[in-house]
Amino acid sequence: MSNICKTVTLRTRKIKGGEQLSFYLDYYPGYRDESTMKVMRHESLGI
């Protein structure tokens, strides 16, 4: 099985109690993290 994602989407979400936004990536169909063996479907960018 390959670790290739077919679609990656940049998404935003408002943070509670403020005007700021949180950015994260959505992966479809997801990929398996080699160290934890969990399927990753989204990741926060922390900015």
C-alpha atoms as a PDB file:
ATOM      1  CA  MET A   1       0.000   0.000   0.000  1.00  0.00           C
ATOM      2  CA  SER A   2       1.352   3.440  -0.894  1.00  0.00           C
ATOM      3  CA  ASN A   3       1.464   6.612   1.220  1.00  0.00           C
ATOM      4  CA  ILE A   4       0.143   8.832  -1.579  1.00  0.00           C
ATOM      5  CA  CYS A   5      -2.687  11.280  -0.833  1.00  0.00           C
ATOM      6  CA  LYS A   6      -4.876  12.152  -3.785  1.00  0.00           C
ATOM      7  CA  THR A   7      -6.276  15.416  -2.375  1.00  0.00           C
ATOM      8  CA  VAL A   8      -4.885  17.930   0.133  1.00  0.00           C
ATOM      9  CA  THR A   9      -7.097  20.872   1.167  1.00  0.00           C
ATOM     10  CA  LEU A  10      -6.172  23.923   3.232  1.00  0.00           C
ATOM     11  CA  ARG A  11      -8.978  24.693   5.689  1.00  0.00           C
ATOM     12  CA  THR A  12      -9.560  27.472   8.198  1.00  0.00           C
ATOM     13  CA  ARG A  13     -11.619  27.625  11.369  1.00  0.00           C
ATOM     14  CA  LYS A  14     -12.379  30.537  13.693  1.00  0.00           C
ATOM     15  CA  ILE A  15     -10.870  30.236  17.152  1.00  0.00           C
ATOM     16  CA  LYS A  16     -13.397  30.587  19.981  1.00  0.00           C
ATOM     17  CA  GLY A  17     -13.686  34.020  21.571  1.00  0.00           C
ATOM     18  CA  GLY A  18     -11.705  35.912  18.969  1.00  0.00           C
ATOM     19  CA  GLU A  19     -11.205  37.078  15.443  1.00  0.00           C
ATOM     20  CA  GLN A  20      -8.246  34.754  14.786  1.00  0.00           C
ATOM     21  CA  LEU A  21      -8.203  31.770  12.443  1.00  0.00           C
ATOM     22  CA  SER A  22      -6.685  28.315  12.803  1.00  0.00           C
ATOM     23  CA  PHE A  23      -5.215  26.690   9.665  1.00  0.00           C
ATOM     24  CA  TYR A  24      -5.036  22.967   9.034  1.00  0.00           C
ATOM     25  CA  LEU A  25      -4.609  20.488   6.188  1.00  0.00           C
ATOM     26  CA  ASP A  26      -7.147  17.809   5.261  1.00  0.00           C
ATOM     27  CA  TYR A  27      -5.780  14.703   3.526  1.00  0.00           C
ATOM     28  CA  TYR A  28      -7.978  12.429   1.443  1.00  0.00           C
ATOM     29  CA  PRO A  29      -7.877   9.441   1.546  1.00  0.00           C
ATOM     30  CA  GLY A  30      -5.356   9.881   4.370  1.00  0.00           C
ATOM     31  CA  TYR A  31      -1.962   8.312   4.949  1.00  0.00           C
ATOM     32  CA  ARG A  32      -0.418   5.993   7.518  1.00  0.00           C
ATOM     33  CA  ASP A  33       2.159   7.545   9.858  1.00  0.00           C
ATOM     34  CA  GLU A  34       5.195   5.242   9.817  1.00  0.00           C
ATOM     35  CA  SER A  35       6.089   5.764  13.510  1.00  0.00           C
ATOM     36  CA  THR A  36       2.622   5.365  15.087  1.00  0.00           C
ATOM     37  CA  MET A  37       0.914   3.361  12.304  1.00  0.00           C
ATOM     38  CA  LYS A  38      -2.183   5.585  12.676  1.00  0.00           C
ATOM     39  CA  VAL A  39      -4.079   6.866   9.647  1.00  0.00           C
ATOM     40  CA  MET A  40      -3.684  10.661   9.465  1.00  0.00           C
ATOM     41  CA  ARG A  41      -6.562  12.596   7.886  1.00  0.00           C
ATOM     42  CA  HIS A  42      -5.818  16.132   9.098  1.00  0.00           C
ATOM     43  CA  GLU A  43      -2.928  18.121  10.548  1.00  0.00           C
ATOM     44  CA  SER A  44      -2.817  21.493  12.306  1.00  0.00           C
ATOM     45  CA  LEU A  45      -0.295  23.972  10.909  1.00  0.00           C
ATOM     46  CA  GLY A  46       0.084  25.848  14.201  1.00  0.00           C
ATOM     47  CA  ILE A  47       0.043  29.305  12.642  1.00  0.00           C
END
